[in-house]
Amino acid sequence: MQQALTYLGTLDDVVQRYPWNIEMGQQQFNQMLIRKALLGEKIIINDGYLLNHPFARHALLYPTSSPLKALVEANFVQIMSRSGSLLDVAQKMSAQGVESFQRLQKSAEWPALRTMLKQWEPGLQRIDNFIPWPKKHISHGFDNMLCRSRQLYVENLGMTAVTDDDFQRVFDLYTLKNKSDKEATRTRWEQACIKVLGDDSNAKEKINELMGLASEAYHYNFAVCLSAQFSQRKILVETRYSHAFADLIQLGQPTQSELINIPSIQIPQKLSFDRPQLWKTLVDPFSDVAGVQKEYQDAMEQFFAGQANAKLVEEVSLKYSKALSVHFENDEQDGGIKKVALSIGFLGLGLVAGGPVTAGLLWLAENSLLPTVTRVFKLRDKGFFKKQTPNQSLDLSHQNTLSSVSISLPLAEKLAKDIPDFT
């Protein structure tokens, strides 16, 4: 079984300009990389995201502050590039008038970053780190994806500032802009938002909500296009949960989550980034710790299929936790505090009377108040694991929730057929 590939929408520089109500600082950025490395889920990052996101740039310039550079050099994080060169794309995009790249080349960081990239890129090219962009027409696919939301009411999209009338007026202008062609469609959506709502008293809040929806559509569209490019791989998309695209990840509206205990991996509270070889070895498929990780992955797959009992999951989780402790040389007798990383949440509890309950595997080590859904599955026996004591319930109806879940392959294949190939 090949490793899953995660399209990392949370690193989108447009999300930086129009932020979600989700804290995403350097620490959260690093924790996301740690989560992916521990779960063995490879990452794809757009070349533009890597260059324009401030935390990614900082991680490249100061490699002891993050595992990013080590994971790229290990080919665990791969760069999706238009030309196979970060320097080349920065120059070309700037020359074409793309403002984010123009700002980058005028920034105080650019001289140091340019020097670093000149030294770093040849090595990445030798190990074939760069992967090509999908052959699908990205802007056309974005339009298809965004238009799936037009028939929904804004309250069902989690918007509180935008009215249904606002939504339809923006869509009308956006559709008019696309009358002759479908190029730069996310930029056209942004322009329509500003034109229609820019003079409103709460314009910032409204435009932020509408651009949040656009970013979600952009990320899910990229995942669909990648599914066509890597037809034999499981494609995950990490982005904000959106009701508009919930069918793509087979996850209904997560209004409430009841947490229960699951035999889980435990990770050291503090992980050092000043020894890059530790991170490279962690994701090396030939390393000892990778072998234990594979046992853990197999046991969890059996659990999702209803074929593993609690004892097996507990044994393998403990084995993996110990292997991680040894790998990172965590001294338990010297303040080696650990934290539980995973829990099970029943999402939409009780909505399916007498049938399977939709459950989500929640990654809680980053922020227990904002869990990341990493797996969606059906579980008939809620008594398989013990509930937390005291019982912990999360109300997700008015919160932003991250999801990092594989998209539905049959639906992705159907949507990909409606996106023309890029010529």
Protein backbone atom coordinates (compact mmCIF):
# COMPACT_ATOMS: atom_id res chain seq x y z
CA MET A 1 0.00 0.00 0.00
CA GLN A 2 1.45 3.35 -1.05
CA GLN A 3 1.62 6.25 1.37
CA ALA A 4 -1.22 8.74 1.35
CA LEU A 5 -0.56 12.17 -0.11
CA THR A 6 -1.87 15.26 1.66
CA TYR A 7 -2.55 18.48 -0.21
CA LEU A 8 -1.78 21.13 2.38
CA GLY A 9 -4.41 23.82 2.00
CA THR A 10 -3.73 25.25 5.45
CA LEU A 11 -0.48 26.71 4.08
CA ASP A 12 -2.31 28.76 1.44
CA ASP A 13 -1.06 32.36 1.38
CA VAL A 14 -4.60 33.53 0.53
CA VAL A 15 -5.70 32.07 3.87
CA GLN A 16 -3.04 34.29 5.40
CA ARG A 17 -4.59 37.35 3.74
CA TYR A 18 -8.14 36.29 4.59
CA PRO A 19 -7.61 34.28 7.77
CA TRP A 20 -9.92 31.68 9.20
CA ASN A 21 -10.78 32.00 12.87
CA ILE A 22 -8.14 29.39 13.56
CA GLU A 23 -4.86 30.09 15.28
CA MET A 24 -2.10 29.15 12.84
CA GLY A 25 1.26 30.34 14.10
CA GLN A 26 4.74 28.87 13.79
CA GLN A 27 4.00 26.38 16.56
CA GLN A 28 0.81 25.12 14.89
CA PHE A 29 2.65 24.90 11.57
CA ASN A 30 5.32 22.69 13.14
CA GLN A 31 2.75 20.55 14.95
CA MET A 32 0.99 19.90 11.66
CA LEU A 33 4.27 18.65 10.15
CA ILE A 34 4.86 16.47 13.22
CA ARG A 35 1.37 14.98 12.94
CA LYS A 36 1.89 14.05 9.32
CA ALA A 37 5.31 12.52 10.00
CA LEU A 38 3.99 10.44 12.91
CA LEU A 39 1.02 9.19 10.88
CA GLY A 40 3.14 8.52 7.79
CA GLU A 41 1.09 10.76 5.49
CA LYS A 42 3.29 12.43 2.89
CA ILE A 43 2.74 16.10 2.07
CA ILE A 44 2.45 18.07 -1.15
CA ILE A 45 3.06 21.83 -0.95
CA ASN A 46 2.53 24.29 -3.80
CA ASP A 47 5.66 26.20 -4.78
CA GLY A 48 3.74 29.44 -4.23
CA TYR A 49 2.64 28.41 -0.74
CA LEU A 50 6.20 27.51 0.21
CA LEU A 51 7.61 30.84 -0.93
CA ASN A 52 4.80 33.16 0.13
CA HIS A 53 3.78 31.74 3.50
CA PRO A 54 5.79 33.51 6.24
CA PHE A 55 6.13 30.43 8.47
CA ALA A 56 7.34 28.26 5.61
CA ARG A 57 9.93 30.87 4.59
CA HIS A 58 11.08 31.18 8.19
CA ALA A 59 11.42 27.40 8.43
CA LEU A 60 13.64 27.35 5.33
CA LEU A 61 15.84 30.22 6.46
CA TYR A 62 16.11 28.96 10.06
CA PRO A 63 15.98 25.15 9.78
CA THR A 64 16.48 24.54 13.52
CA SER A 65 13.09 26.19 14.12
CA SER A 66 11.09 23.56 12.23
CA PRO A 67 11.31 20.04 10.76
CA LEU A 68 10.21 21.34 7.34
CA LYS A 69 13.60 21.51 5.60
CA ALA A 70 14.60 18.05 6.84
CA LEU A 71 11.29 16.53 5.71
CA VAL A 72 11.66 18.12 2.26
CA GLU A 73 15.20 16.74 1.94
CA ALA A 74 13.86 13.31 2.92
CA ASN A 75 11.25 13.57 0.12
CA PHE A 76 8.49 13.22 2.71
CA VAL A 77 7.35 16.74 1.83
CA GLN A 78 7.35 17.24 -1.94
CA ILE A 79 7.05 20.52 -3.77
CA MET A 80 4.49 20.82 -6.55
CA SER A 81 6.17 23.14 -9.00
CA ARG A 82 5.24 24.76 -12.27
CA SER A 83 8.83 24.62 -13.54
CA GLY A 84 10.88 22.44 -11.19
CA SER A 85 12.60 25.49 -9.70
CA LEU A 86 11.50 27.77 -6.87
CA LEU A 87 13.78 30.56 -8.08
CA ASP A 88 12.38 30.30 -11.58
CA VAL A 89 8.75 30.41 -10.48
CA ALA A 90 9.41 33.42 -8.23
CA GLN A 91 10.95 35.35 -11.12
CA LYS A 92 8.32 34.37 -13.69
CA MET A 93 5.33 35.01 -11.44
CA SER A 94 6.72 38.39 -10.43
CA ALA A 95 7.30 39.32 -14.08
CA GLN A 96 3.70 38.33 -14.85
CA GLY A 97 2.46 40.80 -12.27
CA VAL A 98 1.47 38.39 -9.48
CA GLU A 99 1.50 40.69 -6.46
CA SER A 100 2.46 38.10 -3.84
CA PHE A 101 5.67 37.28 -5.73
CA GLN A 102 6.41 40.94 -6.38
CA ARG A 103 6.12 41.63 -2.65
CA LEU A 104 8.37 38.65 -1.95
CA GLN A 105 11.15 39.93 -4.20
CA LYS A 106 10.96 43.37 -2.59
CA SER A 107 11.02 41.97 0.95
CA ALA A 108 13.99 42.09 3.33
CA GLU A 109 14.03 38.26 3.39
CA TRP A 110 14.47 37.79 -0.35
CA PRO A 111 18.29 38.20 -0.65
CA ALA A 112 18.92 35.55 2.03
CA LEU A 113 16.18 33.28 0.68
CA ARG A 114 17.47 33.59 -2.89
CA THR A 115 20.99 32.65 -1.77
CA MET A 116 19.66 29.69 0.20
CA LEU A 117 17.55 28.46 -2.73
CA LYS A 118 20.50 28.65 -5.15
CA GLN A 119 22.42 26.28 -2.88
CA TRP A 120 19.45 24.04 -2.02
CA GLU A 121 17.62 23.55 -5.30
CA PRO A 122 20.21 21.41 -7.14
CA GLY A 123 20.00 18.78 -4.40
CA LEU A 124 16.19 18.72 -4.57
CA GLN A 125 16.36 18.29 -8.33
CA ARG A 126 18.79 15.37 -7.95
CA ILE A 127 16.40 13.50 -5.64
CA ASP A 128 13.38 14.31 -7.85
CA ASN A 129 11.62 16.20 -5.09
CA PHE A 130 9.69 18.45 -7.46
CA ILE A 131 6.48 17.03 -8.86
CA PRO A 132 4.55 18.63 -11.73
CA TRP A 133 1.31 20.50 -11.34
CA PRO A 134 -1.82 18.55 -12.30
CA LYS A 135 -2.58 18.54 -16.01
CA LYS A 136 -6.12 19.65 -15.27
CA HIS A 137 -7.21 23.28 -15.77
CA ILE A 138 -7.06 24.44 -12.14
CA SER A 139 -9.06 27.65 -12.62
CA HIS A 140 -11.83 25.83 -14.47
CA GLY A 141 -11.99 23.20 -11.73
CA PHE A 142 -12.16 25.90 -9.06
CA ASP A 143 -15.17 27.42 -10.79
CA ASN A 144 -16.89 24.03 -10.92
CA MET A 145 -16.19 23.44 -7.24
CA LEU A 146 -17.25 26.89 -6.06
CA CYS A 147 -20.51 26.76 -8.02
CA ARG A 148 -21.51 23.65 -6.06
CA SER A 149 -22.15 26.00 -3.12
CA ARG A 150 -24.41 28.48 -4.90
CA GLN A 151 -27.68 26.76 -4.02
CA LEU A 152 -26.88 26.69 -0.30
CA TYR A 153 -28.03 29.26 2.23
CA VAL A 154 -25.27 31.26 3.90
CA GLU A 155 -26.27 29.98 7.34
CA ASN A 156 -25.50 26.46 6.11
CA LEU A 157 -22.07 27.67 5.02
CA GLY A 158 -21.18 28.94 8.49
CA MET A 159 -21.42 32.60 7.47
CA THR A 160 -22.79 35.17 9.90
CA ALA A 161 -21.94 38.51 8.25
CA VAL A 162 -22.87 37.68 4.64
CA THR A 163 -26.56 37.65 3.68
CA ASP A 164 -28.11 35.42 1.04
CA ASP A 165 -28.61 38.52 -1.12
CA ASP A 166 -24.91 39.42 -0.76
CA PHE A 167 -23.96 35.90 -1.75
CA GLN A 168 -26.08 35.87 -4.90
CA ARG A 169 -24.98 39.36 -6.01
CA VAL A 170 -21.32 38.39 -5.71
CA PHE A 171 -22.01 35.20 -7.64
CA ASP A 172 -23.80 37.16 -10.38
CA LEU A 173 -20.82 39.47 -10.94
CA TYR A 174 -18.35 36.59 -10.68
CA THR A 175 -20.29 34.62 -13.32
CA LEU A 176 -20.29 37.66 -15.61
CA LYS A 177 -16.50 37.96 -15.27
CA ASN A 178 -16.16 34.35 -16.43
CA LYS A 179 -18.35 34.79 -19.50
CA SER A 180 -15.51 34.69 -22.05
CA ASP A 181 -13.10 32.33 -20.29
CA LYS A 182 -12.27 30.76 -16.94
CA GLU A 183 -8.81 32.03 -16.08
CA ALA A 184 -7.65 33.23 -12.65
CA THR A 185 -11.09 32.44 -11.28
CA ARG A 186 -10.22 32.75 -7.58
CA THR A 187 -8.84 36.23 -8.27
CA ARG A 188 -12.06 37.09 -10.12
CA TRP A 189 -14.10 35.89 -7.14
CA GLU A 190 -12.02 38.16 -4.89
CA GLN A 191 -12.56 41.08 -7.27
CA ALA A 192 -16.31 40.44 -7.31
CA CYS A 193 -16.42 40.34 -3.50
CA ILE A 194 -14.60 43.67 -3.23
CA LYS A 195 -16.68 45.32 -5.98
CA VAL A 196 -20.05 44.25 -4.56
CA LEU A 197 -19.36 44.51 -0.84
CA GLY A 198 -16.35 46.81 -0.52
CA ASP A 199 -18.40 49.82 0.60
CA ASP A 200 -20.47 47.98 3.22
CA SER A 201 -19.94 48.96 6.84
CA ASN A 202 -18.79 45.43 7.68
CA ALA A 203 -17.09 44.78 4.35
CA LYS A 204 -14.02 43.20 5.94
CA GLU A 205 -16.04 40.52 7.74
CA LYS A 206 -18.17 39.76 4.69
CA ILE A 207 -15.27 39.53 2.25
CA ASN A 208 -13.31 37.42 4.72
CA GLU A 209 -16.17 34.89 4.93
CA LEU A 210 -16.60 34.69 1.16
CA MET A 211 -12.87 34.33 0.55
CA GLY A 212 -12.80 31.62 3.20
CA LEU A 213 -15.32 29.67 1.12
CA ALA A 214 -13.23 30.30 -2.00
CA SER A 215 -10.11 28.94 -0.31
CA GLU A 216 -11.94 25.78 0.71
CA ALA A 217 -13.15 25.32 -2.88
CA TYR A 218 -9.60 25.90 -4.14
CA HIS A 219 -8.17 23.23 -1.84
CA TYR A 220 -10.80 20.60 -2.60
CA ASN A 221 -10.42 21.29 -6.31
CA PHE A 222 -6.67 20.72 -6.09
CA ALA A 223 -7.30 17.42 -4.31
CA VAL A 224 -9.66 16.36 -7.11
CA CYS A 225 -7.07 17.28 -9.74
CA LEU A 226 -4.36 15.40 -7.84
CA SER A 227 -6.59 12.32 -7.66
CA ALA A 228 -6.55 12.28 -11.47
CA GLN A 229 -2.77 12.70 -11.51
CA PHE A 230 -2.08 10.04 -8.85
CA SER A 231 -4.91 7.61 -9.53
CA GLN A 232 -3.40 4.83 -7.38
CA ARG A 233 -2.78 7.00 -4.32
CA LYS A 234 -5.07 8.00 -1.49
CA ILE A 235 -5.36 11.79 -1.62
CA LEU A 236 -6.04 13.74 1.56
CA VAL A 237 -6.86 17.43 1.71
CA GLU A 238 -6.06 19.47 4.79
CA THR A 239 -8.30 22.50 5.01
CA ARG A 240 -11.13 23.98 7.04
CA TYR A 241 -14.22 21.79 7.26
CA SER A 242 -16.94 23.09 4.96
CA HIS A 243 -20.52 21.89 4.66
CA ALA A 244 -20.44 22.90 0.99
CA PHE A 245 -17.93 20.17 0.19
CA ALA A 246 -18.69 17.66 2.95
CA ASP A 247 -19.71 14.98 0.46
CA LEU A 248 -16.14 14.90 -0.87
CA ILE A 249 -14.84 13.67 2.48
CA GLN A 250 -18.01 11.78 3.44
CA LEU A 251 -18.41 13.78 6.63
CA GLY A 252 -21.75 15.26 7.60
CA GLN A 253 -22.15 18.51 9.50
CA PRO A 254 -20.06 18.02 12.69
CA THR A 255 -22.44 19.69 15.10
CA GLN A 256 -21.45 17.73 18.17
CA SER A 257 -18.71 15.34 19.10
CA GLU A 258 -18.66 12.99 22.07
CA LEU A 259 -15.10 11.96 22.86
CA ILE A 260 -14.15 8.49 24.02
CA ASN A 261 -10.84 6.93 24.94
CA ILE A 262 -8.88 4.97 22.38
CA PRO A 263 -5.57 3.17 22.90
CA SER A 264 -3.41 5.88 21.46
CA ILE A 265 0.11 6.85 20.61
CA GLN A 266 1.76 9.16 23.08
CA ILE A 267 4.37 11.62 21.92
CA PRO A 268 7.05 13.57 23.80
CA GLN A 269 5.83 16.97 24.91
CA LYS A 270 8.88 18.68 23.43
CA LEU A 271 10.50 17.58 20.20
CA SER A 272 13.80 19.07 19.07
CA PHE A 273 14.33 20.41 15.56
CA ASP A 274 18.09 21.00 15.77
CA ARG A 275 18.90 17.42 14.73
CA PRO A 276 17.46 17.05 11.23
CA GLN A 277 18.65 13.47 10.89
CA LEU A 278 16.11 12.38 13.53
CA TRP A 279 13.29 13.63 11.32
CA LYS A 280 14.78 12.16 8.17
CA THR A 281 15.12 8.78 9.88
CA LEU A 282 11.55 8.95 11.22
CA VAL A 283 10.15 9.07 7.68
CA ASP A 284 12.77 6.74 6.15
CA PRO A 285 10.84 3.57 5.15
CA PHE A 286 13.93 1.45 5.93
CA SER A 287 14.42 2.71 9.50
CA ASP A 288 13.55 0.71 12.62
CA VAL A 289 10.99 3.25 13.83
CA ALA A 290 9.28 3.23 10.41
CA GLY A 291 8.76 -0.51 10.76
CA VAL A 292 6.93 0.00 14.05
CA GLN A 293 4.94 2.84 12.49
CA LYS A 294 3.80 0.42 9.77
CA GLU A 295 2.57 -2.02 12.43
CA TYR A 296 0.60 0.81 14.01
CA GLN A 297 -0.88 1.86 10.65
CA ASP A 298 -1.92 -1.72 9.86
CA ALA A 299 -3.57 -2.17 13.27
CA MET A 300 -5.52 1.07 12.86
CA GLU A 301 -6.66 0.04 9.37
CA GLN A 302 -7.96 -3.20 10.89
CA PHE A 303 -9.75 -1.15 13.55
CA PHE A 304 -11.44 1.04 10.93
CA ALA A 305 -12.57 -2.13 9.16
CA GLY A 306 -13.93 -3.57 12.42
CA GLN A 307 -11.34 -6.37 12.44
CA ALA A 308 -9.12 -5.37 15.39
CA ASN A 309 -9.92 -5.68 19.06
CA ALA A 310 -8.99 -3.11 21.68
CA LYS A 311 -6.15 -5.26 23.02
CA LEU A 312 -4.32 -5.34 19.67
CA VAL A 313 -4.70 -1.60 19.15
CA GLU A 314 -3.46 -0.96 22.68
CA GLU A 315 -0.42 -3.22 22.28
CA VAL A 316 0.64 -1.71 18.97
CA SER A 317 0.01 1.86 20.16
CA LEU A 318 2.19 1.27 23.22
CA LYS A 319 4.92 -0.26 21.06
CA TYR A 320 4.91 2.73 18.71
CA SER A 321 4.89 5.19 21.61
CA LYS A 322 7.96 3.51 23.12
CA ALA A 323 9.72 3.47 19.75
CA LEU A 324 9.10 7.21 19.37
CA SER A 325 10.41 7.86 22.87
CA VAL A 326 13.60 5.94 22.10
CA HIS A 327 13.97 7.57 18.69
CA PHE A 328 13.73 11.09 20.10
CA GLU A 329 15.82 10.07 23.12
CA ASN A 330 13.10 11.21 25.49
CA ASP A 331 14.23 10.77 29.11
CA GLU A 332 11.07 9.90 31.03
CA GLN A 333 12.86 10.21 34.36
CA ASP A 334 14.02 13.72 33.55
CA GLY A 335 10.76 15.52 32.94
CA GLY A 336 9.93 13.66 29.74
CA ILE A 337 6.27 14.69 29.73
CA LYS A 338 4.13 12.96 27.14
CA LYS A 339 0.77 13.86 25.67
CA VAL A 340 -1.96 11.73 24.13
CA ALA A 341 -2.32 12.47 20.45
CA LEU A 342 -5.55 10.79 19.33
CA SER A 343 -9.14 10.32 20.41
CA ILE A 344 -12.36 9.11 18.83
CA GLY A 345 -15.23 11.54 18.34
CA PHE A 346 -18.74 10.54 17.31
CA LEU A 347 -19.79 13.25 14.90
CA GLY A 348 -23.48 13.91 14.42
CA LEU A 349 -24.26 11.51 17.24
CA GLY A 350 -27.70 9.93 17.07
CA LEU A 351 -28.55 11.18 13.58
CA VAL A 352 -28.59 7.67 12.15
CA ALA A 353 -31.02 5.79 14.36
CA GLY A 354 -30.19 2.13 14.66
CA GLY A 355 -27.47 2.33 12.02
CA PRO A 356 -23.75 2.97 11.87
CA VAL A 357 -22.57 6.04 13.73
CA THR A 358 -20.34 8.45 11.85
CA ALA A 359 -17.16 8.70 13.85
CA GLY A 360 -14.03 10.75 13.40
CA LEU A 361 -10.50 10.04 14.49
CA LEU A 362 -9.49 13.31 16.11
CA TRP A 363 -5.93 14.52 16.53
CA LEU A 364 -5.92 16.36 19.84
CA ALA A 365 -2.24 16.92 20.62
CA GLU A 366 -2.19 20.29 18.88
CA ASN A 367 -5.21 21.89 20.45
CA SER A 368 -7.94 20.01 22.29
CA LEU A 369 -10.30 22.93 21.71
CA LEU A 370 -9.82 22.71 17.95
CA PRO A 371 -9.38 19.05 17.00
CA THR A 372 -8.37 18.01 13.51
CA VAL A 373 -10.47 15.24 11.98
CA THR A 374 -8.00 12.79 10.43
CA ARG A 375 -10.27 9.88 9.55
CA VAL A 376 -13.99 9.31 9.04
CA PHE A 377 -15.46 5.85 9.46
CA LYS A 378 -18.55 3.91 10.51
CA LEU A 379 -18.68 2.22 13.90
CA ARG A 380 -21.67 0.16 15.02
CA ASP A 381 -20.48 -0.65 18.53
CA LYS A 382 -19.93 2.53 20.53
CA GLY A 383 -19.03 0.39 23.52
CA PHE A 384 -15.90 -0.87 21.79
CA PHE A 385 -13.89 1.73 23.70
CA LYS A 386 -14.57 3.34 27.03
CA LYS A 387 -15.92 6.85 27.29
CA GLN A 388 -13.72 9.49 28.82
CA THR A 389 -14.26 10.10 32.52
CA PRO A 390 -15.56 12.67 33.07
CA ASN A 391 -17.33 12.59 29.73
CA GLN A 392 -16.11 15.32 27.38
CA SER A 393 -18.40 16.70 24.71
CA LEU A 394 -17.41 19.17 22.02
CA ASP A 395 -19.92 21.51 20.40
CA LEU A 396 -18.57 22.15 16.91
CA SER A 397 -21.58 23.96 15.47
CA HIS A 398 -20.10 27.45 15.78
CA GLN A 399 -16.40 26.64 15.55
CA ASN A 400 -13.96 26.33 12.72
CA THR A 401 -12.86 22.72 12.49
CA LEU A 402 -9.91 21.46 10.50
CA SER A 403 -10.13 18.24 8.54
CA SER A 404 -7.31 16.24 7.01
CA VAL A 405 -9.30 13.44 5.43
CA SER A 406 -9.08 11.42 2.21
CA ILE A 407 -11.51 12.48 -0.48
CA SER A 408 -14.08 10.11 -1.93
CA LEU A 409 -12.34 8.55 -4.94
CA PRO A 410 -15.53 7.78 -6.95
CA LEU A 411 -16.80 11.35 -6.53
CA ALA A 412 -13.36 12.82 -7.24
CA GLU A 413 -13.12 10.80 -10.45
CA LYS A 414 -16.54 12.05 -11.52
CA LEU A 415 -15.65 15.68 -10.80
CA ALA A 416 -12.26 15.38 -12.50
CA LYS A 417 -13.94 14.31 -15.75
CA ASP A 418 -15.71 17.69 -15.84
CA ILE A 419 -12.41 19.60 -15.67
CA PRO A 420 -10.68 20.07 -19.03
CA ASP A 421 -7.03 19.13 -19.38
CA PHE A 422 -4.62 22.04 -19.34
CA THR A 423 -3.19 22.80 -22.76
